[in-house]
């Protein structure tokens, strides 16, 4: 029975580690790199609706 709980504990640690690596660190790294190199485009574009028509804000 100890073997089963040992495996479950290791699996839980791996899930936690991969969540931190893939969900937090990777997201921060990609956002930081995009802000550094593409700071004018990294935040997306603004879309406005005027009289039921959609307009995208272009570079000024």
PDB file of N, CA and C in Angstrom:
ATOM      1  N   UNK A   1       0.820  -1.196   0.000  1.00  0.00           N
ATOM      2  CA  UNK A   1       0.000   0.000   0.000  1.00  0.00           C
ATOM      3  C   UNK A   1       0.863   1.259   0.000  1.00  0.00           C
ATOM      4  N   UNK A   2       2.070   1.154   0.596  1.00  0.00           N
ATOM      5  CA  UNK A   2       2.959   2.304   0.600  1.00  0.00           C
ATOM      6  C   UNK A   2       3.375   2.688  -0.816  1.00  0.00           C
ATOM      7  N   UNK A   3       3.530   1.711  -1.673  1.00  0.00           N
ATOM      8  CA  UNK A   3       3.957   1.980  -3.038  1.00  0.00           C
ATOM      9  C   UNK A   3       2.927   2.813  -3.785  1.00  0.00           C
ATOM     10  N   UNK A   4       1.647   2.510  -3.574  1.00  0.00           N
ATOM     11  CA  UNK A   4       0.582   3.238  -4.252  1.00  0.00           C
ATOM     12  C   UNK A   4       0.539   4.701  -3.798  1.00  0.00           C
ATOM     13  N   UNK A   5       0.661   4.940  -2.502  1.00  0.00           N
ATOM     14  CA  UNK A   5       0.627   6.316  -2.004  1.00  0.00           C
ATOM     15  C   UNK A   5       1.885   7.069  -2.416  1.00  0.00           C
ATOM     16  N   UNK A   6       2.992   6.368  -2.561  1.00  0.00           N
ATOM     17  CA  UNK A   6       4.227   6.986  -3.025  1.00  0.00           C
ATOM     18  C   UNK A   6       4.072   7.472  -4.464  1.00  0.00           C
ATOM     19  N   UNK A   7       3.461   6.673  -5.295  1.00  0.00           N
ATOM     20  CA  UNK A   7       3.239   7.033  -6.691  1.00  0.00           C
ATOM     21  C   UNK A   7       2.267   8.216  -6.788  1.00  0.00           C
ATOM     22  N   UNK A   8       1.208   8.194  -5.986  1.00  0.00           N
ATOM     23  CA  UNK A   8       0.234   9.291  -5.994  1.00  0.00           C
ATOM     24  C   UNK A   8       0.897  10.592  -5.545  1.00  0.00           C
ATOM     25  N   UNK A   9       1.746  10.533  -4.549  1.00  0.00           N
ATOM     26  CA  UNK A   9       2.467  11.722  -4.081  1.00  0.00           C
ATOM     27  C   UNK A   9       3.390  12.289  -5.141  1.00  0.00           C
ATOM     28  N   UNK A  10       4.129  11.411  -5.825  1.00  0.00           N
ATOM     29  CA  UNK A  10       5.013  11.852  -6.905  1.00  0.00           C
ATOM     30  C   UNK A  10       4.220  12.434  -8.067  1.00  0.00           C
ATOM     31  N   UNK A  11       3.093  11.820  -8.387  1.00  0.00           N
ATOM     32  CA  UNK A  11       2.253  12.327  -9.471  1.00  0.00           C
ATOM     33  C   UNK A  11       1.687  13.703  -9.130  1.00  0.00           C
ATOM     34  N   UNK A  12       1.271  13.892  -7.882  1.00  0.00           N
ATOM     35  CA  UNK A  12       0.754  15.193  -7.459  1.00  0.00           C
ATOM     36  C   UNK A  12       1.838  16.257  -7.533  1.00  0.00           C
ATOM     37  N   UNK A  13       3.057  15.915  -7.153  1.00  0.00           N
ATOM     38  CA  UNK A  13       4.169  16.863  -7.257  1.00  0.00           C
ATOM     39  C   UNK A  13       4.459  17.225  -8.714  1.00  0.00           C
ATOM     40  N   UNK A  14       4.388  16.245  -9.593  1.00  0.00           N
ATOM     41  CA  UNK A  14       4.628  16.525 -11.007  1.00  0.00           C
ATOM     42  C   UNK A  14       3.532  17.403 -11.606  1.00  0.00           C
ATOM     43  N   UNK A  15       2.297  17.149 -11.223  1.00  0.00           N
ATOM     44  CA  UNK A  15       1.193  17.988 -11.708  1.00  0.00           C
ATOM     45  C   UNK A  15       1.392  19.422 -11.240  1.00  0.00           C
ATOM     46  N   UNK A  16       1.751  19.607  -9.995  1.00  0.00           N
ATOM     47  CA  UNK A  16       1.998  20.941  -9.457  1.00  0.00           C
ATOM     48  C   UNK A  16       3.176  21.616 -10.165  1.00  0.00           C
ATOM     49  N   UNK A  17       4.261  20.874 -10.350  1.00  0.00           N
ATOM     50  CA  UNK A  17       5.444  21.428 -11.020  1.00  0.00           C
ATOM     51  C   UNK A  17       5.134  21.825 -12.464  1.00  0.00           C
ATOM     52  N   UNK A  18       4.447  20.976 -13.198  1.00  0.00           N
ATOM     53  CA  UNK A  18       4.131  21.276 -14.590  1.00  0.00           C
ATOM     54  C   UNK A  18       3.123  22.419 -14.707  1.00  0.00           C
ATOM     55  N   UNK A  19       2.212  22.524 -13.745  1.00  0.00           N
ATOM     56  CA  UNK A  19       1.275  23.645 -13.737  1.00  0.00           C
ATOM     57  C   UNK A  19       2.017  24.953 -13.556  1.00  0.00           C
ATOM     58  N   UNK A  20       2.973  24.967 -12.653  1.00  0.00           N
ATOM     59  CA  UNK A  20       3.757  26.186 -12.427  1.00  0.00           C
ATOM     60  C   UNK A  20       4.612  26.514 -13.652  1.00  0.00           C
ATOM     61  N   UNK A  21       5.280  25.503 -14.209  1.00  0.00           N
ATOM     62  CA  UNK A  21       6.158  25.734 -15.356  1.00  0.00           C
ATOM     63  C   UNK A  21       5.365  26.169 -16.580  1.00  0.00           C
ATOM     64  N   UNK A  22       4.336  25.410 -16.934  1.00  0.00           N
ATOM     65  CA  UNK A  22       3.596  25.675 -18.175  1.00  0.00           C
ATOM     66  C   UNK A  22       2.544  26.769 -18.016  1.00  0.00           C
ATOM     67  N   UNK A  23       1.943  26.858 -16.866  1.00  0.00           N
ATOM     68  CA  UNK A  23       0.858  27.808 -16.691  1.00  0.00           C
ATOM     69  C   UNK A  23       1.303  29.173 -16.227  1.00  0.00           C
ATOM     70  N   UNK A  24       2.399  29.247 -15.490  1.00  0.00           N
ATOM     71  CA  UNK A  24       2.832  30.529 -14.924  1.00  0.00           C
ATOM     72  C   UNK A  24       4.113  31.014 -15.590  1.00  0.00           C
ATOM     73  N   UNK A  25       5.186  30.243 -15.475  1.00  0.00           N
ATOM     74  CA  UNK A  25       6.481  30.700 -15.973  1.00  0.00           C
ATOM     75  C   UNK A  25       6.484  30.912 -17.487  1.00  0.00           C
ATOM     76  N   UNK A  26       5.919  29.982 -18.246  1.00  0.00           N
ATOM     77  CA  UNK A  26       5.879  30.116 -19.694  1.00  0.00           C
ATOM     78  C   UNK A  26       5.058  31.338 -20.096  1.00  0.00           C
ATOM     79  N   UNK A  27       3.928  31.537 -19.453  1.00  0.00           N
ATOM     80  CA  UNK A  27       3.069  32.680 -19.768  1.00  0.00           C
ATOM     81  C   UNK A  27       3.790  33.995 -19.490  1.00  0.00           C
ATOM     82  N   UNK A  28       4.455  34.089 -18.361  1.00  0.00           N
ATOM     83  CA  UNK A  28       5.201  35.306 -18.028  1.00  0.00           C
ATOM     84  C   UNK A  28       6.339  35.526 -19.023  1.00  0.00           C
ATOM     85  N   UNK A  29       7.045  34.473 -19.402  1.00  0.00           N
ATOM     86  CA  UNK A  29       8.162  34.596 -20.344  1.00  0.00           C
ATOM     87  C   UNK A  29       7.682  35.070 -21.709  1.00  0.00           C
ATOM     88  N   UNK A  30       6.628  34.470 -22.236  1.00  0.00           N
ATOM     89  CA  UNK A  30       6.125  34.845 -23.557  1.00  0.00           C
ATOM     90  C   UNK A  30       5.590  36.274 -23.544  1.00  0.00           C
ATOM     91  N   UNK A  31       4.858  36.646 -22.497  1.00  0.00           N
ATOM     92  CA  UNK A  31       4.346  38.004 -22.395  1.00  0.00           C
ATOM     93  C   UNK A  31       5.491  39.011 -22.286  1.00  0.00           C
ATOM     94  N   UNK A  32       6.488  38.698 -21.487  1.00  0.00           N
ATOM     95  CA  UNK A  32       7.629  39.599 -21.340  1.00  0.00           C
ATOM     96  C   UNK A  32       8.398  39.777 -22.631  1.00  0.00           C
ATOM     97  N   UNK A  33       8.643  38.691 -23.345  1.00  0.00           N
ATOM     98  CA  UNK A  33       9.362  38.770 -24.621  1.00  0.00           C
ATOM     99  C   UNK A  33       8.564  39.565 -25.646  1.00  0.00           C
ATOM    100  N   UNK A  34       7.258  39.333 -25.713  1.00  0.00           N
ATOM    101  CA  UNK A  34       6.439  40.074 -26.680  1.00  0.00           C
ATOM    102  C   UNK A  34       6.384  41.552 -26.323  1.00  0.00           C
ATOM    103  N   UNK A  35       6.318  41.889 -25.046  1.00  0.00           N
ATOM    104  CA  UNK A  35       6.328  43.294 -24.644  1.00  0.00           C
ATOM    105  C   UNK A  35       7.678  43.942 -24.956  1.00  0.00           C
ATOM    106  N   UNK A  36       8.755  43.181 -24.832  1.00  0.00           N
ATOM    107  CA  UNK A  36      10.086  43.713 -25.079  1.00  0.00           C
ATOM    108  C   UNK A  36      10.329  43.985 -26.561  1.00  0.00           C
ATOM    109  N   UNK A  37       9.987  43.028 -27.411  1.00  0.00           N
ATOM    110  CA  UNK A  37      10.297  43.155 -28.832  1.00  0.00           C
ATOM    111  C   UNK A  37       9.166  43.745 -29.661  1.00  0.00           C
ATOM    112  N   UNK A  38       7.926  43.580 -29.246  1.00  0.00           N
ATOM    113  CA  UNK A  38       6.781  44.057 -30.019  1.00  0.00           C
ATOM    114  C   UNK A  38       5.866  44.894 -29.139  1.00  0.00           C
ATOM    115  N   UNK A  39       6.430  45.848 -28.401  1.00  0.00           N
ATOM    116  CA  UNK A  39       5.658  46.597 -27.418  1.00  0.00           C
ATOM    117  C   UNK A  39       4.488  47.359 -28.016  1.00  0.00           C
ATOM    118  N   UNK A  40       4.565  47.727 -29.298  1.00  0.00           N
ATOM    119  CA  UNK A  40       3.457  48.458 -29.912  1.00  0.00           C
ATOM    120  C   UNK A  40       2.320  47.548 -30.353  1.00  0.00           C
ATOM    121  N   UNK A  41       2.576  46.262 -30.500  1.00  0.00           N
ATOM    122  CA  UNK A  41       1.539  45.345 -30.957  1.00  0.00           C
ATOM    123  C   UNK A  41       1.169  44.274 -29.929  1.00  0.00           C
ATOM    124  N   UNK A  42       1.890  44.182 -28.838  1.00  0.00           N
ATOM    125  CA  UNK A  42       1.723  43.081 -27.894  1.00  0.00           C
ATOM    126  C   UNK A  42       0.407  43.133 -27.126  1.00  0.00           C
ATOM    127  N   UNK A  43      -0.210  44.281 -27.020  1.00  0.00           N
ATOM    128  CA  UNK A  43      -1.450  44.404 -26.264  1.00  0.00           C
ATOM    129  C   UNK A  43      -2.694  44.229 -27.117  1.00  0.00           C
ATOM    130  N   UNK A  44      -2.520  43.899 -28.378  1.00  0.00           N
ATOM    131  CA  UNK A  44      -3.667  43.691 -29.249  1.00  0.00           C
ATOM    132  C   UNK A  44      -4.165  44.998 -29.836  1.00  0.00           C
ATOM    133  N   UNK A  45      -5.317  44.942 -30.463  1.00  0.00           N
ATOM    134  CA  UNK A  45      -5.891  46.133 -31.066  1.00  0.00           C
ATOM    135  C   UNK A  45      -7.252  46.398 -30.454  1.00  0.00           C
ATOM    136  N   UNK A  46      -7.671  47.630 -30.550  1.00  0.00           N
ATOM    137  CA  UNK A  46      -8.943  48.040 -29.990  1.00  0.00           C
ATOM    138  C   UNK A  46     -10.002  47.942 -31.086  1.00  0.00           C
ATOM    139  N   UNK A  47     -11.103  47.295 -30.779  1.00  0.00           N
ATOM    140  CA  UNK A  47     -12.204  47.176 -31.729  1.00  0.00           C
ATOM    141  C   UNK A  47     -13.381  47.954 -31.167  1.00  0.00           C
ATOM    142  N   UNK A  48     -13.912  48.861 -31.977  1.00  0.00           N
ATOM    143  CA  UNK A  48     -15.029  49.692 -31.547  1.00  0.00           C
ATOM    144  C   UNK A  48     -16.239  49.427 -32.435  1.00  0.00           C
ATOM    145  N   UNK A  49     -17.414  49.490 -31.855  1.00  0.00           N
ATOM    146  CA  UNK A  49     -18.644  49.355 -32.628  1.00  0.00           C
ATOM    147  C   UNK A  49     -19.306  50.719 -32.712  1.00  0.00           C
ATOM    148  N   UNK A  50     -19.576  51.161 -33.939  1.00  0.00           N
ATOM    149  CA  UNK A  50     -20.262  52.417 -34.178  1.00  0.00           C
ATOM    150  C   UNK A  50     -21.426  52.118 -35.102  1.00  0.00           C
ATOM    151  N   UNK A  51     -22.606  52.365 -34.633  1.00  0.00           N
ATOM    152  CA  UNK A  51     -23.827  52.124 -35.415  1.00  0.00           C
ATOM    153  C   UNK A  51     -23.840  50.719 -36.017  1.00  0.00           C
ATOM    154  N   UNK A  52     -23.601  49.729 -35.195  1.00  0.00           N
ATOM    155  CA  UNK A  52     -23.623  48.306 -35.555  1.00  0.00           C
ATOM    156  C   UNK A  52     -22.539  47.907 -36.542  1.00  0.00           C
ATOM    157  N   UNK A  53     -21.543  48.743 -36.763  1.00  0.00           N
ATOM    158  CA  UNK A  53     -20.410  48.385 -37.620  1.00  0.00           C
ATOM    159  C   UNK A  53     -19.169  48.253 -36.736  1.00  0.00           C
ATOM    160  N   UNK A  54     -18.346  47.282 -37.055  1.00  0.00           N
ATOM    161  CA  UNK A  54     -17.147  47.028 -36.271  1.00  0.00           C
ATOM    162  C   UNK A  54     -15.952  47.685 -36.950  1.00  0.00           C
ATOM    163  N   UNK A  55     -15.211  48.460 -36.172  1.00  0.00           N
ATOM    164  CA  UNK A  55     -14.010  49.130 -36.676  1.00  0.00           C
ATOM    165  C   UNK A  55     -12.844  48.720 -35.808  1.00  0.00           C
ATOM    166  N   UNK A  56     -11.734  48.434 -36.459  1.00  0.00           N
ATOM    167  CA  UNK A  56     -10.524  48.083 -35.735  1.00  0.00           C
ATOM    168  C   UNK A  56      -9.605  49.288 -35.747  1.00  0.00           C
ATOM    169  N   UNK A  57      -9.031  49.616 -34.611  1.00  0.00           N
ATOM    170  CA  UNK A  57      -8.128  50.743 -34.524  1.00  0.00           C
ATOM    171  C   UNK A  57      -6.826  50.364 -35.207  1.00  0.00           C
ATOM    172  N   UNK A  58      -6.445  51.152 -36.198  1.00  0.00           N
ATOM    173  CA  UNK A  58      -5.212  50.897 -36.942  1.00  0.00           C
ATOM    174  C   UNK A  58      -4.066  51.682 -36.333  1.00  0.00           C
ATOM    175  N   UNK A  59      -2.851  51.335 -36.709  1.00  0.00           N
ATOM    176  CA  UNK A  59      -1.678  52.066 -36.215  1.00  0.00           C
ATOM    177  C   UNK A  59      -1.759  53.517 -36.650  1.00  0.00           C
ATOM    178  N   UNK A  60      -1.405  54.360 -35.737  1.00  0.00           N
ATOM    179  CA  UNK A  60      -1.461  55.793 -36.048  1.00  0.00           C
ATOM    180  C   UNK A  60      -0.091  56.337 -36.259  1.00  0.00           C
TER     181      UNK A  60
END
